Amino acid sequence: MENAIQEYTTLSQWGNSKATRIPASVLKLLNIDVNQKFSVSVQGQSIVLTPETTQATSIHELFADWEDDGLRHHELDWGKAEGEELSW
């Protein structure tokens, strides 16, 4: 990791479970926000948290949060072909 940092945290009681807080500097470095899901694994004597990434499984999921700005009322002209594109 290019921007490696080291922070410390403490394991605490949270109901019947244990919890630790991840320092804001770590979250900012990794661009992680609240409600991020993680997989938890053990490697040697280390607990490893890996952010889960989800990929859209349909075009509807992919564009679910997209808001049309209304600027395109017709097909865009991308200019002439530059390589071996198909001519429509």
N, C-alpha and C. Protein backbone atom coordinates (compact mmCIF):
# COMPACT_ATOMS: atom_id res chain seq x y z
N MET A 1 0.85 -1.18 0.00
CA MET A 1 0.00 0.00 0.00
C MET A 1 0.89 1.23 0.00
N GLU A 2 0.62 2.15 -0.90
CA GLU A 2 1.47 3.33 -1.03
C GLU A 2 1.36 4.27 0.17
N ASN A 3 0.15 4.51 0.66
CA ASN A 3 -0.07 5.45 1.75
C ASN A 3 -0.31 4.71 3.06
N ALA A 4 0.63 3.89 3.47
CA ALA A 4 0.47 3.09 4.68
C ALA A 4 0.47 3.98 5.92
N ILE A 5 -0.43 3.69 6.84
CA ILE A 5 -0.47 4.37 8.13
C ILE A 5 -0.65 3.30 9.20
N GLN A 6 -0.39 3.67 10.44
CA GLN A 6 -0.62 2.76 11.55
C GLN A 6 -1.37 3.51 12.62
N GLU A 7 -2.49 2.96 13.03
CA GLU A 7 -3.32 3.54 14.09
C GLU A 7 -3.59 2.45 15.12
N TYR A 8 -4.14 2.83 16.26
CA TYR A 8 -4.44 1.87 17.31
C TYR A 8 -5.90 2.00 17.71
N THR A 9 -6.48 0.88 18.16
CA THR A 9 -7.86 0.86 18.61
C THR A 9 -7.96 -0.17 19.73
N THR A 10 -9.07 -0.15 20.45
CA THR A 10 -9.27 -1.05 21.59
C THR A 10 -10.52 -1.89 21.37
N LEU A 11 -10.45 -3.16 21.73
CA LEU A 11 -11.60 -4.04 21.66
C LEU A 11 -12.50 -3.74 22.86
N SER A 12 -13.80 -3.52 22.60
CA SER A 12 -14.75 -3.16 23.66
C SER A 12 -15.96 -4.09 23.61
N GLN A 13 -16.74 -4.07 24.69
CA GLN A 13 -17.98 -4.84 24.76
C GLN A 13 -19.08 -4.06 24.06
N TRP A 14 -19.89 -4.76 23.25
CA TRP A 14 -21.03 -4.13 22.58
C TRP A 14 -22.16 -5.14 22.63
N GLY A 15 -23.01 -5.04 23.64
CA GLY A 15 -24.05 -6.04 23.85
C GLY A 15 -23.39 -7.37 24.18
N ASN A 16 -23.77 -8.42 23.49
CA ASN A 16 -23.16 -9.74 23.70
C ASN A 16 -21.94 -9.95 22.82
N SER A 17 -21.60 -8.96 22.03
CA SER A 17 -20.47 -9.07 21.10
C SER A 17 -19.34 -8.16 21.54
N LYS A 18 -18.26 -8.25 20.82
CA LYS A 18 -17.12 -7.35 21.01
C LYS A 18 -17.03 -6.48 19.77
N ALA A 19 -16.49 -5.28 19.94
CA ALA A 19 -16.38 -4.36 18.81
C ALA A 19 -15.15 -3.48 18.97
N THR A 20 -14.71 -2.96 17.85
CA THR A 20 -13.62 -1.99 17.86
C THR A 20 -13.97 -0.88 16.89
N ARG A 21 -13.46 0.28 17.11
CA ARG A 21 -13.70 1.42 16.22
C ARG A 21 -12.51 1.56 15.28
N ILE A 22 -12.83 1.81 14.02
CA ILE A 22 -11.77 2.01 13.04
C ILE A 22 -11.51 3.51 12.96
N PRO A 23 -10.28 3.95 13.17
CA PRO A 23 -9.98 5.38 13.15
C PRO A 23 -10.37 6.04 11.83
N ALA A 24 -10.83 7.29 11.92
CA ALA A 24 -11.27 8.04 10.74
C ALA A 24 -10.18 8.15 9.69
N SER A 25 -8.93 8.26 10.11
CA SER A 25 -7.83 8.39 9.15
C SER A 25 -7.70 7.14 8.28
N VAL A 26 -7.98 5.97 8.85
CA VAL A 26 -7.92 4.72 8.09
C VAL A 26 -9.08 4.67 7.10
N LEU A 27 -10.27 5.03 7.57
CA LEU A 27 -11.44 5.03 6.69
C LEU A 27 -11.26 6.01 5.53
N LYS A 28 -10.71 7.17 5.83
CA LYS A 28 -10.50 8.17 4.78
C LYS A 28 -9.48 7.67 3.75
N LEU A 29 -8.40 7.07 4.22
CA LEU A 29 -7.37 6.56 3.33
C LEU A 29 -7.92 5.51 2.37
N LEU A 30 -8.82 4.67 2.87
CA LEU A 30 -9.39 3.59 2.06
C LEU A 30 -10.71 3.97 1.41
N ASN A 31 -11.16 5.21 1.63
CA ASN A 31 -12.42 5.69 1.06
C ASN A 31 -13.58 4.77 1.46
N ILE A 32 -13.67 4.49 2.76
CA ILE A 32 -14.72 3.63 3.30
C ILE A 32 -15.69 4.49 4.09
N ASP A 33 -16.98 4.23 3.91
CA ASP A 33 -18.02 5.00 4.57
C ASP A 33 -18.81 4.09 5.51
N VAL A 34 -19.71 4.68 6.31
CA VAL A 34 -20.53 3.90 7.23
C VAL A 34 -21.37 2.89 6.45
N ASN A 35 -21.76 1.83 7.12
CA ASN A 35 -22.56 0.74 6.56
C ASN A 35 -21.81 -0.11 5.54
N GLN A 36 -20.51 0.08 5.43
CA GLN A 36 -19.70 -0.77 4.55
C GLN A 36 -19.67 -2.18 5.14
N LYS A 37 -19.89 -3.18 4.32
CA LYS A 37 -19.80 -4.57 4.78
C LYS A 37 -18.37 -5.07 4.55
N PHE A 38 -17.93 -5.94 5.48
CA PHE A 38 -16.59 -6.50 5.42
C PHE A 38 -16.65 -8.01 5.55
N SER A 39 -15.70 -8.68 4.95
CA SER A 39 -15.48 -10.09 5.28
C SER A 39 -14.40 -10.10 6.35
N VAL A 40 -14.52 -11.01 7.30
CA VAL A 40 -13.57 -11.10 8.41
C VAL A 40 -12.83 -12.43 8.28
N SER A 41 -11.51 -12.36 8.30
CA SER A 41 -10.71 -13.58 8.22
C SER A 41 -9.56 -13.49 9.22
N VAL A 42 -8.98 -14.62 9.50
CA VAL A 42 -7.83 -14.69 10.40
C VAL A 42 -6.65 -15.19 9.58
N GLN A 43 -5.56 -14.43 9.63
CA GLN A 43 -4.32 -14.82 8.95
C GLN A 43 -3.21 -14.80 10.00
N GLY A 44 -2.77 -15.99 10.37
CA GLY A 44 -1.79 -16.07 11.45
C GLY A 44 -2.43 -15.57 12.74
N GLN A 45 -1.83 -14.57 13.35
CA GLN A 45 -2.36 -13.97 14.57
C GLN A 45 -3.05 -12.63 14.28
N SER A 46 -3.43 -12.40 13.03
CA SER A 46 -4.05 -11.12 12.64
C SER A 46 -5.50 -11.30 12.22
N ILE A 47 -6.33 -10.34 12.59
CA ILE A 47 -7.71 -10.27 12.12
C ILE A 47 -7.69 -9.36 10.90
N VAL A 48 -8.20 -9.85 9.79
CA VAL A 48 -8.17 -9.08 8.54
C VAL A 48 -9.60 -8.74 8.13
N LEU A 49 -9.86 -7.44 7.97
CA LEU A 49 -11.15 -6.96 7.48
C LEU A 49 -10.97 -6.57 6.02
N THR A 50 -11.77 -7.14 5.15
CA THR A 50 -11.69 -6.82 3.73
C THR A 50 -13.03 -6.27 3.28
N PRO A 51 -13.06 -5.02 2.77
CA PRO A 51 -14.34 -4.45 2.33
C PRO A 51 -14.95 -5.30 1.22
N GLU A 52 -16.24 -5.59 1.36
CA GLU A 52 -16.95 -6.32 0.31
C GLU A 52 -17.28 -5.35 -0.81
N THR A 53 -17.12 -5.80 -2.01
CA THR A 53 -17.51 -4.98 -3.15
C THR A 53 -18.62 -5.72 -3.87
N THR A 54 -19.62 -4.98 -4.24
CA THR A 54 -20.73 -5.57 -4.98
C THR A 54 -20.75 -4.97 -6.37
N GLN A 55 -21.06 -5.79 -7.32
CA GLN A 55 -21.16 -5.33 -8.69
C GLN A 55 -22.59 -5.50 -9.15
N ALA A 56 -23.04 -4.55 -9.93
CA ALA A 56 -24.40 -4.61 -10.45
C ALA A 56 -24.57 -5.87 -11.29
N THR A 57 -25.72 -6.52 -11.14
CA THR A 57 -25.99 -7.74 -11.90
C THR A 57 -26.95 -7.49 -13.05
N SER A 58 -27.44 -6.26 -13.16
CA SER A 58 -28.32 -5.92 -14.28
C SER A 58 -28.11 -4.46 -14.64
N ILE A 59 -28.55 -4.08 -15.81
CA ILE A 59 -28.45 -2.69 -16.24
C ILE A 59 -29.28 -1.78 -15.33
N HIS A 60 -30.37 -2.32 -14.78
CA HIS A 60 -31.22 -1.53 -13.88
C HIS A 60 -30.49 -1.23 -12.57
N GLU A 61 -29.77 -2.21 -12.03
CA GLU A 61 -28.98 -1.98 -10.83
C GLU A 61 -27.84 -1.01 -11.10
N LEU A 62 -27.20 -1.16 -12.25
CA LEU A 62 -26.07 -0.31 -12.60
C LEU A 62 -26.45 1.16 -12.62
N PHE A 63 -27.63 1.47 -13.15
CA PHE A 63 -28.05 2.86 -13.29
C PHE A 63 -29.15 3.25 -12.30
N ALA A 64 -29.32 2.50 -11.23
CA ALA A 64 -30.40 2.75 -10.27
C ALA A 64 -30.37 4.15 -9.68
N ASP A 65 -29.20 4.70 -9.40
CA ASP A 65 -29.10 6.02 -8.77
C ASP A 65 -28.79 7.14 -9.75
N TRP A 66 -28.77 6.83 -11.04
CA TRP A 66 -28.43 7.83 -12.03
C TRP A 66 -29.61 8.76 -12.28
N GLU A 67 -29.33 10.05 -12.27
CA GLU A 67 -30.36 11.04 -12.56
C GLU A 67 -30.02 11.69 -13.89
N ASP A 68 -30.95 11.63 -14.82
CA ASP A 68 -30.74 12.22 -16.14
C ASP A 68 -30.71 13.73 -16.01
N ASP A 69 -29.70 14.36 -16.60
CA ASP A 69 -29.62 15.82 -16.55
C ASP A 69 -30.45 16.47 -17.66
N GLY A 70 -31.04 15.66 -18.53
CA GLY A 70 -31.94 16.17 -19.55
C GLY A 70 -31.26 16.90 -20.69
N LEU A 71 -29.94 16.81 -20.81
CA LEU A 71 -29.22 17.57 -21.83
C LEU A 71 -29.14 16.84 -23.17
N ARG A 72 -29.46 15.56 -23.20
CA ARG A 72 -29.35 14.79 -24.44
C ARG A 72 -30.74 14.42 -24.95
N HIS A 73 -31.20 15.14 -25.96
CA HIS A 73 -32.51 14.86 -26.53
C HIS A 73 -32.38 14.06 -27.81
N HIS A 74 -31.16 13.74 -28.20
CA HIS A 74 -30.91 12.98 -29.42
C HIS A 74 -29.61 12.20 -29.22
N GLU A 75 -29.33 11.32 -30.14
CA GLU A 75 -28.10 10.54 -30.06
C GLU A 75 -26.90 11.47 -30.26
N LEU A 76 -25.87 11.27 -29.48
CA LEU A 76 -24.68 12.10 -29.58
C LEU A 76 -23.85 11.76 -30.81
N ASP A 77 -23.26 12.77 -31.42
CA ASP A 77 -22.37 12.57 -32.56
C ASP A 77 -20.95 12.46 -32.03
N TRP A 78 -20.37 11.29 -32.12
CA TRP A 78 -19.03 11.05 -31.60
C TRP A 78 -17.96 11.28 -32.66
N GLY A 79 -18.34 11.73 -33.84
CA GLY A 79 -17.36 11.97 -34.90
C GLY A 79 -17.13 10.73 -35.72
N LYS A 80 -16.16 10.84 -36.63
CA LYS A 80 -15.89 9.72 -37.53
C LYS A 80 -15.12 8.62 -36.81
N ALA A 81 -15.18 7.43 -37.37
CA ALA A 81 -14.48 6.28 -36.80
C ALA A 81 -12.98 6.52 -36.83
N GLU A 82 -12.30 6.13 -35.78
CA GLU A 82 -10.86 6.32 -35.68
C GLU A 82 -10.09 5.01 -35.85
N GLY A 83 -10.78 3.91 -35.76
CA GLY A 83 -10.11 2.60 -35.85
C GLY A 83 -10.93 1.68 -36.72
N GLU A 84 -11.21 0.50 -36.18
CA GLU A 84 -11.96 -0.49 -36.95
C GLU A 84 -13.38 -0.64 -36.42
N GLU A 85 -13.98 0.47 -35.94
CA GLU A 85 -15.34 0.43 -35.46
C GLU A 85 -16.30 0.09 -36.59
N LEU A 86 -17.42 -0.49 -36.24
CA LEU A 86 -18.44 -0.78 -37.24
C LEU A 86 -19.11 0.50 -37.68
N SER A 87 -19.44 0.59 -38.93
CA SER A 87 -20.16 1.75 -39.45
C SER A 87 -21.64 1.47 -39.34
N TRP A 88 -22.37 2.30 -38.65
CA TRP A 88 -23.81 2.10 -38.46
C TRP A 88 -24.49 2.86 -39.54
